[in-house]
Structures are given as C-alpha cells and as structure tokens.
C-alpha cells in the first residue's frame, strides 16, 4: 500500500433496537473492522449510535464524535457498513463531503 496508512473511524448505527441488545451495530462493527484490516489500516476510533432512527433529527453522539475526529485530523477515513448508516439526508451528506 502506498501513501498515508488508513487511520479509520468505524461507525455503526441501527434505527430500531427493540430488545436493546445492540446486535445490529455489533454485526456492522465486525464487518467494518474486517474491511479496515484487509485494507491494511487501523481502526483508531469506534463509535455507535444504537436505536437511533434517522428521521427524528436527534443528535447522534457517536456521529458527532466521528466528525469531531475528522475536524481534528485524527482520522483520514470513515468506514461504515452502508452510507445510509452515516448520513441521514442530503444536507448532512454535503456537509460531510465538504469536511472530508
């Protein structure tokens, strides 16, 4: 691998966890860790927002922590199971792309 090594934030979110067991975010996180390892990177930050529906507009602490790490330069890539888990709408996506 050439260039800067991957310093990744792993972020997982599930909208609805009725049992409160966080099984969905755990599965997502395992897949993300595997991907980063296969790409020769290091997960330096792991954040989850469990049982957080996208349409509510509530603050997501895990998402906020990831974006703060981007702003500080602590990470150079955000890894998610699917981009819909990270960005909930076009405005968030545009802000994230601009920041990255």
PDB file of N, CA and C in Angstrom:
ATOM      1  N   UNK A   1       0.831  -1.171   0.000  1.00  0.00           N
ATOM      2  CA  UNK A   1       0.000   0.000   0.000  1.00  0.00           C
ATOM      3  C   UNK A   1       0.881   1.241   0.000  1.00  0.00           C
ATOM      4  N   UNK A   2       0.567   2.176  -0.851  1.00  0.00           N
ATOM      5  CA  UNK A   2       1.330   3.408  -0.909  1.00  0.00           C
ATOM      6  C   UNK A   2       0.544   4.540  -0.275  1.00  0.00           C
ATOM      7  N   UNK A   3       1.250   5.606   0.045  1.00  0.00           N
ATOM      8  CA  UNK A   3       0.575   6.754   0.633  1.00  0.00           C
ATOM      9  C   UNK A   3       0.388   6.606   2.133  1.00  0.00           C
ATOM     10  N   UNK A   4      -0.447   7.459   2.648  1.00  0.00           N
ATOM     11  CA  UNK A   4      -0.720   7.508   4.081  1.00  0.00           C
ATOM     12  C   UNK A   4      -1.508   6.276   4.525  1.00  0.00           C
ATOM     13  N   UNK A   5      -1.095   5.623   5.604  1.00  0.00           N
ATOM     14  CA  UNK A   5      -1.863   4.467   6.091  1.00  0.00           C
ATOM     15  C   UNK A   5      -3.253   4.885   6.552  1.00  0.00           C
ATOM     16  N   UNK A   6      -4.186   3.979   6.419  1.00  0.00           N
ATOM     17  CA  UNK A   6      -5.556   4.258   6.839  1.00  0.00           C
ATOM     18  C   UNK A   6      -5.635   4.355   8.361  1.00  0.00           C
ATOM     19  N   UNK A   7      -6.083   5.488   8.825  1.00  0.00           N
ATOM     20  CA  UNK A   7      -6.396   5.703  10.234  1.00  0.00           C
ATOM     21  C   UNK A   7      -7.906   5.892  10.263  1.00  0.00           C
ATOM     22  N   UNK A   8      -8.624   4.835  10.573  1.00  0.00           N
ATOM     23  CA  UNK A   8     -10.065   4.790  10.351  1.00  0.00           C
ATOM     24  C   UNK A   8     -10.892   5.017  11.604  1.00  0.00           C
ATOM     25  N   UNK A   9     -12.025   5.672  11.376  1.00  0.00           N
ATOM     26  CA  UNK A   9     -13.101   5.683  12.363  1.00  0.00           C
ATOM     27  C   UNK A   9     -14.112   4.656  11.873  1.00  0.00           C
ATOM     28  N   UNK A  10     -14.516   3.761  12.745  1.00  0.00           N
ATOM     29  CA  UNK A  10     -15.552   2.781  12.438  1.00  0.00           C
ATOM     30  C   UNK A  10     -16.844   3.282  13.086  1.00  0.00           C
ATOM     31  N   UNK A  11     -17.884   3.431  12.256  1.00  0.00           N
ATOM     32  CA  UNK A  11     -19.150   3.958  12.768  1.00  0.00           C
ATOM     33  C   UNK A  11     -20.285   3.035  12.366  1.00  0.00           C
ATOM     34  N   UNK A  12     -21.123   2.700  13.339  1.00  0.00           N
ATOM     35  CA  UNK A  12     -22.275   1.827  13.080  1.00  0.00           C
ATOM     36  C   UNK A  12     -23.513   2.440  13.720  1.00  0.00           C
ATOM     37  N   UNK A  13     -24.636   2.291  12.998  1.00  0.00           N
ATOM     38  CA  UNK A  13     -25.912   2.797  13.528  1.00  0.00           C
ATOM     39  C   UNK A  13     -27.033   1.849  13.145  1.00  0.00           C
ATOM     40  N   UNK A  14     -27.945   1.665  14.085  1.00  0.00           N
ATOM     41  CA  UNK A  14     -29.182   0.917  13.842  1.00  0.00           C
ATOM     42  C   UNK A  14     -30.331   1.815  14.278  1.00  0.00           C
ATOM     43  N   UNK A  15     -31.363   1.849  13.463  1.00  0.00           N
ATOM     44  CA  UNK A  15     -32.508   2.715  13.743  1.00  0.00           C
ATOM     45  C   UNK A  15     -33.390   2.199  14.862  1.00  0.00           C
ATOM     46  N   UNK A  16     -33.614   0.897  14.888  1.00  0.00           N
ATOM     47  CA  UNK A  16     -34.593   0.341  15.817  1.00  0.00           C
ATOM     48  C   UNK A  16     -34.027  -0.913  16.473  1.00  0.00           C
ATOM     49  N   UNK A  17     -33.837  -0.847  17.767  1.00  0.00           N
ATOM     50  CA  UNK A  17     -33.347  -1.997  18.530  1.00  0.00           C
ATOM     51  C   UNK A  17     -34.296  -2.205  19.701  1.00  0.00           C
ATOM     52  N   UNK A  18     -35.380  -2.901  19.449  1.00  0.00           N
ATOM     53  CA  UNK A  18     -36.423  -3.087  20.467  1.00  0.00           C
ATOM     54  C   UNK A  18     -35.953  -3.868  21.679  1.00  0.00           C
ATOM     55  N   UNK A  19     -35.015  -4.776  21.468  1.00  0.00           N
ATOM     56  CA  UNK A  19     -34.517  -5.593  22.577  1.00  0.00           C
ATOM     57  C   UNK A  19     -33.376  -4.916  23.342  1.00  0.00           C
ATOM     58  N   UNK A  20     -32.770  -3.904  22.732  1.00  0.00           N
ATOM     59  CA  UNK A  20     -31.673  -3.197  23.386  1.00  0.00           C
ATOM     60  C   UNK A  20     -30.394  -3.993  23.483  1.00  0.00           C
ATOM     61  N   UNK A  21     -30.214  -4.972  22.605  1.00  0.00           N
ATOM     62  CA  UNK A  21     -29.035  -5.835  22.668  1.00  0.00           C
ATOM     63  C   UNK A  21     -27.896  -5.385  21.766  1.00  0.00           C
ATOM     64  N   UNK A  22     -28.139  -4.400  20.908  1.00  0.00           N
ATOM     65  CA  UNK A  22     -27.113  -3.835  20.020  1.00  0.00           C
ATOM     66  C   UNK A  22     -26.507  -4.871  19.069  1.00  0.00           C
ATOM     67  N   UNK A  23     -27.271  -5.910  18.744  1.00  0.00           N
ATOM     68  CA  UNK A  23     -26.740  -6.954  17.862  1.00  0.00           C
ATOM     69  C   UNK A  23     -26.438  -6.422  16.460  1.00  0.00           C
ATOM     70  N   UNK A  24     -27.290  -5.536  15.970  1.00  0.00           N
ATOM     71  CA  UNK A  24     -27.084  -4.981  14.631  1.00  0.00           C
ATOM     72  C   UNK A  24     -25.810  -4.153  14.534  1.00  0.00           C
ATOM     73  N   UNK A  25     -25.581  -3.275  15.499  1.00  0.00           N
ATOM     74  CA  UNK A  25     -24.366  -2.470  15.441  1.00  0.00           C
ATOM     75  C   UNK A  25     -23.128  -3.334  15.680  1.00  0.00           C
ATOM     76  N   UNK A  26     -23.263  -4.391  16.468  1.00  0.00           N
ATOM     77  CA  UNK A  26     -22.136  -5.301  16.671  1.00  0.00           C
ATOM     78  C   UNK A  26     -21.767  -6.014  15.377  1.00  0.00           C
ATOM     79  N   UNK A  27     -22.800  -6.453  14.612  1.00  0.00           N
ATOM     80  CA  UNK A  27     -22.527  -7.095  13.316  1.00  0.00           C
ATOM     81  C   UNK A  27     -21.884  -6.116  12.337  1.00  0.00           C
ATOM     82  N   UNK A  28     -22.421  -4.910  12.286  1.00  0.00           N
ATOM     83  CA  UNK A  28     -21.837  -3.891  11.406  1.00  0.00           C
ATOM     84  C   UNK A  28     -20.377  -3.636  11.773  1.00  0.00           C
ATOM     85  N   UNK A  29     -20.113  -3.476  13.064  1.00  0.00           N
ATOM     86  CA  UNK A  29     -18.761  -3.157  13.516  1.00  0.00           C
ATOM     87  C   UNK A  29     -17.785  -4.279  13.174  1.00  0.00           C
ATOM     88  N   UNK A  30     -18.210  -5.521  13.302  1.00  0.00           N
ATOM     89  CA  UNK A  30     -17.330  -6.649  12.949  1.00  0.00           C
ATOM     90  C   UNK A  30     -16.962  -6.599  11.471  1.00  0.00           C
ATOM     91  N   UNK A  31     -17.939  -6.324  10.608  1.00  0.00           N
ATOM     92  CA  UNK A  31     -17.667  -6.212   9.170  1.00  0.00           C
ATOM     93  C   UNK A  31     -16.722  -5.053   8.873  1.00  0.00           C
ATOM     94  N   UNK A  32     -16.928  -3.935   9.545  1.00  0.00           N
ATOM     95  CA  UNK A  32     -16.089  -2.754   9.321  1.00  0.00           C
ATOM     96  C   UNK A  32     -14.654  -3.037   9.757  1.00  0.00           C
ATOM     97  N   UNK A  33     -14.473  -3.632  10.921  1.00  0.00           N
ATOM     98  CA  UNK A  33     -13.117  -3.974  11.388  1.00  0.00           C
ATOM     99  C   UNK A  33     -12.407  -4.869  10.387  1.00  0.00           C
ATOM    100  N   UNK A  34     -13.135  -5.855   9.881  1.00  0.00           N
ATOM    101  CA  UNK A  34     -12.567  -6.784   8.898  1.00  0.00           C
ATOM    102  C   UNK A  34     -12.133  -6.042   7.632  1.00  0.00           C
ATOM    103  N   UNK A  35     -12.963  -5.149   7.143  1.00  0.00           N
ATOM    104  CA  UNK A  35     -12.630  -4.386   5.945  1.00  0.00           C
ATOM    105  C   UNK A  35     -11.375  -3.546   6.150  1.00  0.00           C
ATOM    106  N   UNK A  36     -11.319  -2.834   7.253  1.00  0.00           N
ATOM    107  CA  UNK A  36     -10.156  -1.987   7.523  1.00  0.00           C
ATOM    108  C   UNK A  36      -8.889  -2.840   7.605  1.00  0.00           C
ATOM    109  N   UNK A  37      -8.958  -3.970   8.275  1.00  0.00           N
ATOM    110  CA  UNK A  37      -7.796  -4.860   8.387  1.00  0.00           C
ATOM    111  C   UNK A  37      -7.360  -5.370   7.014  1.00  0.00           C
ATOM    112  N   UNK A  38      -8.329  -5.774   6.182  1.00  0.00           N
ATOM    113  CA  UNK A  38      -7.994  -6.257   4.833  1.00  0.00           C
ATOM    114  C   UNK A  38      -7.336  -5.175   3.990  1.00  0.00           C
ATOM    115  N   UNK A  39      -7.669  -3.919   4.260  1.00  0.00           N
ATOM    116  CA  UNK A  39      -7.089  -2.802   3.514  1.00  0.00           C
ATOM    117  C   UNK A  39      -5.782  -2.301   4.131  1.00  0.00           C
ATOM    118  N   UNK A  40      -5.319  -2.961   5.189  1.00  0.00           N
ATOM    119  CA  UNK A  40      -4.053  -2.609   5.811  1.00  0.00           C
ATOM    120  C   UNK A  40      -4.124  -1.404   6.732  1.00  0.00           C
ATOM    121  N   UNK A  41      -5.316  -1.053   7.182  1.00  0.00           N
ATOM    122  CA  UNK A  41      -5.481   0.112   8.038  1.00  0.00           C
ATOM    123  C   UNK A  41      -5.635  -0.251   9.496  1.00  0.00           C
ATOM    124  N   UNK A  42      -5.831   0.774  10.294  1.00  0.00           N
ATOM    125  CA  UNK A  42      -6.024   0.629  11.720  1.00  0.00           C
ATOM    126  C   UNK A  42      -7.293   1.384  12.121  1.00  0.00           C
ATOM    127  N   UNK A  43      -8.144   0.727  12.887  1.00  0.00           N
ATOM    128  CA  UNK A  43      -9.309   1.408  13.448  1.00  0.00           C
ATOM    129  C   UNK A  43      -8.830   2.114  14.701  1.00  0.00           C
ATOM    130  N   UNK A  44      -8.851   3.444  14.671  1.00  0.00           N
ATOM    131  CA  UNK A  44      -8.378   4.229  15.810  1.00  0.00           C
ATOM    132  C   UNK A  44      -9.535   4.814  16.622  1.00  0.00           C
ATOM    133  N   UNK A  45     -10.756   4.704  16.089  1.00  0.00           N
ATOM    134  CA  UNK A  45     -11.933   5.205  16.790  1.00  0.00           C
ATOM    135  C   UNK A  45     -13.122   4.343  16.410  1.00  0.00           C
ATOM    136  N   UNK A  46     -13.870   3.884  17.397  1.00  0.00           N
ATOM    137  CA  UNK A  46     -15.110   3.137  17.157  1.00  0.00           C
ATOM    138  C   UNK A  46     -16.250   3.876  17.836  1.00  0.00           C
ATOM    139  N   UNK A  47     -17.308   4.139  17.066  1.00  0.00           N
ATOM    140  CA  UNK A  47     -18.475   4.819  17.615  1.00  0.00           C
ATOM    141  C   UNK A  47     -19.737   4.159  17.084  1.00  0.00           C
ATOM    142  N   UNK A  48     -20.740   4.088  17.925  1.00  0.00           N
ATOM    143  CA  UNK A  48     -22.038   3.559  17.513  1.00  0.00           C
ATOM    144  C   UNK A  48     -23.148   4.468  18.019  1.00  0.00           C
ATOM    145  N   UNK A  49     -24.240   4.447  17.292  1.00  0.00           N
ATOM    146  CA  UNK A  49     -25.481   5.069  17.731  1.00  0.00           C
ATOM    147  C   UNK A  49     -26.550   4.002  17.582  1.00  0.00           C
ATOM    148  N   UNK A  50     -26.841   3.324  18.662  1.00  0.00           N
ATOM    149  CA  UNK A  50     -27.801   2.231  18.651  1.00  0.00           C
ATOM    150  C   UNK A  50     -29.201   2.752  18.938  1.00  0.00           C
ATOM    151  N   UNK A  51     -30.164   2.213  18.209  1.00  0.00           N
ATOM    152  CA  UNK A  51     -31.573   2.557  18.401  1.00  0.00           C
ATOM    153  C   UNK A  51     -31.816   4.050  18.151  1.00  0.00           C
ATOM    154  N   UNK A  52     -31.212   4.553  17.058  1.00  0.00           N
ATOM    155  CA  UNK A  52     -31.339   5.962  16.681  1.00  0.00           C
ATOM    156  C   UNK A  52     -31.931   6.055  15.286  1.00  0.00           C
ATOM    157  N   UNK A  53     -33.222   6.318  15.219  1.00  0.00           N
ATOM    158  CA  UNK A  53     -33.896   6.439  13.931  1.00  0.00           C
ATOM    159  C   UNK A  53     -33.419   7.697  13.208  1.00  0.00           C
ATOM    160  N   UNK A  54     -33.218   7.560  11.912  1.00  0.00           N
ATOM    161  CA  UNK A  54     -32.670   8.653  11.108  1.00  0.00           C
ATOM    162  C   UNK A  54     -33.588   9.857  11.024  1.00  0.00           C
ATOM    163  N   UNK A  55     -34.871   9.632  10.957  1.00  0.00           N
ATOM    164  CA  UNK A  55     -35.795  10.736  10.678  1.00  0.00           C
ATOM    165  C   UNK A  55     -36.107  11.620  11.881  1.00  0.00           C
ATOM    166  N   UNK A  56     -35.654  11.270  13.067  1.00  0.00           N
ATOM    167  CA  UNK A  56     -36.011  12.055  14.252  1.00  0.00           C
ATOM    168  C   UNK A  56     -35.260  13.377  14.324  1.00  0.00           C
ATOM    169  N   UNK A  57     -34.070  13.429  13.747  1.00  0.00           N
ATOM    170  CA  UNK A  57     -33.267  14.643  13.818  1.00  0.00           C
ATOM    171  C   UNK A  57     -32.536  14.809  15.142  1.00  0.00           C
ATOM    172  N   UNK A  58     -32.638  13.828  16.031  1.00  0.00           N
ATOM    173  CA  UNK A  58     -31.942  13.908  17.317  1.00  0.00           C
ATOM    174  C   UNK A  58     -30.435  13.843  17.099  1.00  0.00           C
ATOM    175  N   UNK A  59     -29.710  14.495  17.985  1.00  0.00           N
ATOM    176  CA  UNK A  59     -28.253  14.454  17.935  1.00  0.00           C
ATOM    177  C   UNK A  59     -27.775  13.032  18.153  1.00  0.00           C
ATOM    178  N   UNK A  60     -26.819  12.622  17.346  1.00  0.00           N
ATOM    179  CA  UNK A  60     -26.216  11.294  17.472  1.00  0.00           C
ATOM    180  C   UNK A  60     -24.814  11.472  18.055  1.00  0.00           C
ATOM    181  N   UNK A  61     -24.603  11.112  19.293  1.00  0.00           N
ATOM    182  CA  UNK A  61     -23.298  11.321  19.931  1.00  0.00           C
ATOM    183  C   UNK A  61     -22.145  10.626  19.199  1.00  0.00           C
ATOM    184  N   UNK A  62     -22.378   9.402  18.730  1.00  0.00           N
ATOM    185  CA  UNK A  62     -21.324   8.684  18.011  1.00  0.00           C
ATOM    186  C   UNK A  62     -20.931   9.384  16.730  1.00  0.00           C
ATOM    187  N   UNK A  63     -21.924   9.832  15.978  1.00  0.00           N
ATOM    188  CA  UNK A  63     -21.679  10.567  14.732  1.00  0.00           C
ATOM    189  C   UNK A  63     -20.918  11.857  15.026  1.00  0.00           C
ATOM    190  N   UNK A  64     -21.339  12.580  16.055  1.00  0.00           N
ATOM    191  CA  UNK A  64     -20.668  13.827  16.420  1.00  0.00           C
ATOM    192  C   UNK A  64     -19.203  13.579  16.782  1.00  0.00           C
ATOM    193  N   UNK A  65     -18.923  12.485  17.471  1.00  0.00           N
ATOM    194  CA  UNK A  65     -17.544  12.150  17.842  1.00  0.00           C
ATOM    195  C   UNK A  65     -16.699  11.837  16.610  1.00  0.00           C
ATOM    196  N   UNK A  66     -17.284  11.134  15.653  1.00  0.00           N
ATOM    197  CA  UNK A  66     -16.557  10.814  14.415  1.00  0.00           C
ATOM    198  C   UNK A  66     -16.234  12.087  13.646  1.00  0.00           C
ATOM    199  N   UNK A  67     -17.224  12.965  13.494  1.00  0.00           N
ATOM    200  CA  UNK A  67     -16.994  14.182  12.727  1.00  0.00           C
ATOM    201  C   UNK A  67     -16.000  15.101  13.437  1.00  0.00           C
ATOM    202  N   UNK A  68     -16.008  15.119  14.764  1.00  0.00           N
ATOM    203  CA  UNK A  68     -15.019  15.902  15.517  1.00  0.00           C
ATOM    204  C   UNK A  68     -13.616  15.348  15.284  1.00  0.00           C
ATOM    205  N   UNK A  69     -13.487  14.022  15.203  1.00  0.00           N
ATOM    206  CA  UNK A  69     -12.185  13.401  14.928  1.00  0.00           C
ATOM    207  C   UNK A  69     -11.695  13.774  13.540  1.00  0.00           C
ATOM    208  N   UNK A  70     -12.614  13.871  12.585  1.00  0.00           N
ATOM    209  CA  UNK A  70     -12.245  14.312  11.233  1.00  0.00           C
ATOM    210  C   UNK A  70     -11.701  15.735  11.300  1.00  0.00           C
ATOM    211  N   UNK A  71     -12.421  16.606  11.985  1.00  0.00           N
ATOM    212  CA  UNK A  71     -12.013  18.004  12.083  1.00  0.00           C
ATOM    213  C   UNK A  71     -10.644  18.162  12.739  1.00  0.00           C
ATOM    214  N   UNK A  72     -10.338  17.320  13.722  1.00  0.00           N
ATOM    215  CA  UNK A  72      -9.039  17.385  14.409  1.00  0.00           C
ATOM    216  C   UNK A  72      -7.919  16.756  13.590  1.00  0.00           C
ATOM    217  N   UNK A  73      -8.268  15.991  12.562  1.00  0.00           N
ATOM    218  CA  UNK A  73      -7.261  15.297  11.772  1.00  0.00           C
ATOM    219  C   UNK A  73      -6.821  13.982  12.379  1.00  0.00           C
ATOM    220  N   UNK A  74      -7.591  13.456  13.327  1.00  0.00           N
ATOM    221  CA  UNK A  74      -7.238  12.199  13.992  1.00  0.00           C
ATOM    222  C   UNK A  74      -7.424  10.991  13.082  1.00  0.00           C
ATOM    223  N   UNK A  75      -8.310  11.113  12.101  1.00  0.00           N
ATOM    224  CA  UNK A  75      -8.606  10.005  11.192  1.00  0.00           C
ATOM    225  C   UNK A  75      -8.560  10.525   9.752  1.00  0.00           C
ATOM    226  N   UNK A  76      -8.322   9.609   8.828  1.00  0.00           N
ATOM    227  CA  UNK A  76      -8.329  10.013   7.427  1.00  0.00           C
ATOM    228  C   UNK A  76      -9.344   9.227   6.601  1.00  0.00           C
ATOM    229  N   UNK A  77     -10.157   8.413   7.273  1.00  0.00           N
ATOM    230  CA  UNK A  77     -11.226   7.686   6.587  1.00  0.00           C
ATOM    231  C   UNK A  77     -12.301   7.305   7.609  1.00  0.00           C
ATOM    232  N   UNK A  78     -13.544   7.347   7.155  1.00  0.00           N
ATOM    233  CA  UNK A  78     -14.664   6.875   7.963  1.00  0.00           C
ATOM    234  C   UNK A  78     -15.180   5.617   7.288  1.00  0.00           C
ATOM    235  N   UNK A  79     -15.278   4.533   8.029  1.00  0.00           N
ATOM    236  CA  UNK A  79     -15.787   3.283   7.479  1.00  0.00           C
ATOM    237  C   UNK A  79     -17.142   2.969   8.101  1.00  0.00           C
ATOM    238  N   UNK A  80     -18.090   2.672   7.227  1.00  0.00           N
ATOM    239  CA  UNK A  80     -19.445   2.333   7.650  1.00  0.00           C
ATOM    240  C   UNK A  80     -19.906   1.121   6.870  1.00  0.00           C
ATOM    241  N   UNK A  81     -20.909   0.444   7.399  1.00  0.00           N
ATOM    242  CA  UNK A  81     -21.465  -0.720   6.723  1.00  0.00           C
ATOM    243  C   UNK A  81     -22.195  -0.292   5.458  1.00  0.00           C
ATOM    244  N   UNK A  82     -22.859   0.837   5.520  1.00  0.00           N
ATOM    245  CA  UNK A  82     -23.580   1.412   4.388  1.00  0.00           C
ATOM    246  C   UNK A  82     -23.672   2.912   4.638  1.00  0.00           C
ATOM    247  N   UNK A  83     -23.547   3.733   3.595  1.00  0.00           N
ATOM    248  CA  UNK A  83     -23.540   5.186   3.806  1.00  0.00           C
ATOM    249  C   UNK A  83     -24.826   5.700   4.436  1.00  0.00           C
ATOM    250  N   UNK A  84     -25.933   4.998   4.265  1.00  0.00           N
ATOM    251  CA  UNK A  84     -27.178   5.437   4.907  1.00  0.00           C
ATOM    252  C   UNK A  84     -27.085   5.343   6.428  1.00  0.00           C
ATOM    253  N   UNK A  85     -26.152   4.583   6.942  1.00  0.00           N
ATOM    254  CA  UNK A  85     -25.929   4.500   8.387  1.00  0.00           C
ATOM    255  C   UNK A  85     -25.218   5.757   8.883  1.00  0.00           C
ATOM    256  N   UNK A  86     -24.471   6.420   8.017  1.00  0.00           N
ATOM    257  CA  UNK A  86     -23.705   7.605   8.404  1.00  0.00           C
ATOM    258  C   UNK A  86     -24.502   8.884   8.191  1.00  0.00           C
ATOM    259  N   UNK A  87     -24.943   9.108   6.970  1.00  0.00           N
ATOM    260  CA  UNK A  87     -25.633  10.357   6.639  1.00  0.00           C
ATOM    261  C   UNK A  87     -27.114  10.104   6.439  1.00  0.00           C
ATOM    262  N   UNK A  88     -27.940  10.914   7.092  1.00  0.00           N
ATOM    263  CA  UNK A  88     -29.381  10.716   7.082  1.00  0.00           C
ATOM    264  C   UNK A  88     -30.100  11.512   6.004  1.00  0.00           C
ATOM    265  N   UNK A  89     -29.455  12.538   5.469  1.00  0.00           N
ATOM    266  CA  UNK A  89     -30.111  13.368   4.463  1.00  0.00           C
ATOM    267  C   UNK A  89     -29.058  14.062   3.593  1.00  0.00           C
ATOM    268  N   UNK A  90     -29.514  14.750   2.570  1.00  0.00           N
ATOM    269  CA  UNK A  90     -28.589  15.405   1.634  1.00  0.00           C
ATOM    270  C   UNK A  90     -27.745  16.486   2.294  1.00  0.00           C
ATOM    271  N   UNK A  91     -28.332  17.219   3.205  1.00  0.00           N
ATOM    272  CA  UNK A  91     -27.591  18.287   3.875  1.00  0.00           C
ATOM    273  C   UNK A  91     -26.415  17.711   4.665  1.00  0.00           C
ATOM    274  N   UNK A  92     -26.681  16.664   5.454  1.00  0.00           N
ATOM    275  CA  UNK A  92     -25.603  16.022   6.217  1.00  0.00           C
ATOM    276  C   UNK A  92     -24.531  15.477   5.288  1.00  0.00           C
ATOM    277  N   UNK A  93     -24.964  14.850   4.216  1.00  0.00           N
ATOM    278  CA  UNK A  93     -24.007  14.280   3.257  1.00  0.00           C
ATOM    279  C   UNK A  93     -23.140  15.378   2.658  1.00  0.00           C
ATOM    280  N   UNK A  94     -23.749  16.487   2.255  1.00  0.00           N
ATOM    281  CA  UNK A  94     -22.989  17.596   1.665  1.00  0.00           C
ATOM    282  C   UNK A  94     -21.990  18.181   2.675  1.00  0.00           C
ATOM    283  N   UNK A  95     -22.428  18.361   3.907  1.00  0.00           N
ATOM    284  CA  UNK A  95     -21.527  18.874   4.950  1.00  0.00           C
ATOM    285  C   UNK A  95     -20.378  17.912   5.191  1.00  0.00           C
ATOM    286  N   UNK A  96     -20.682  16.623   5.228  1.00  0.00           N
ATOM    287  CA  UNK A  96     -19.635  15.618   5.440  1.00  0.00           C
ATOM    288  C   UNK A  96     -18.635  15.573   4.303  1.00  0.00           C
ATOM    289  N   UNK A  97     -19.133  15.624   3.098  1.00  0.00           N
ATOM    290  CA  UNK A  97     -18.238  15.608   1.924  1.00  0.00           C
ATOM    291  C   UNK A  97     -17.349  16.836   1.933  1.00  0.00           C
ATOM    292  N   UNK A  98     -17.918  17.977   2.239  1.00  0.00           N
ATOM    293  CA  UNK A  98     -17.139  19.217   2.302  1.00  0.00           C
ATOM    294  C   UNK A  98     -16.032  19.113   3.350  1.00  0.00           C
ATOM    295  N   UNK A  99     -16.366  18.589   4.505  1.00  0.00           N
ATOM    296  CA  UNK A  99     -15.383  18.454   5.582  1.00  0.00           C
ATOM    297  C   UNK A  99     -14.287  17.467   5.202  1.00  0.00           C
ATOM    298  N   UNK A 100     -14.678  16.373   4.576  1.00  0.00           N
ATOM    299  CA  UNK A 100     -13.693  15.356   4.210  1.00  0.00           C
ATOM    300  C   UNK A 100     -12.882  15.774   3.003  1.00  0.00           C
TER     301      UNK A 100
END
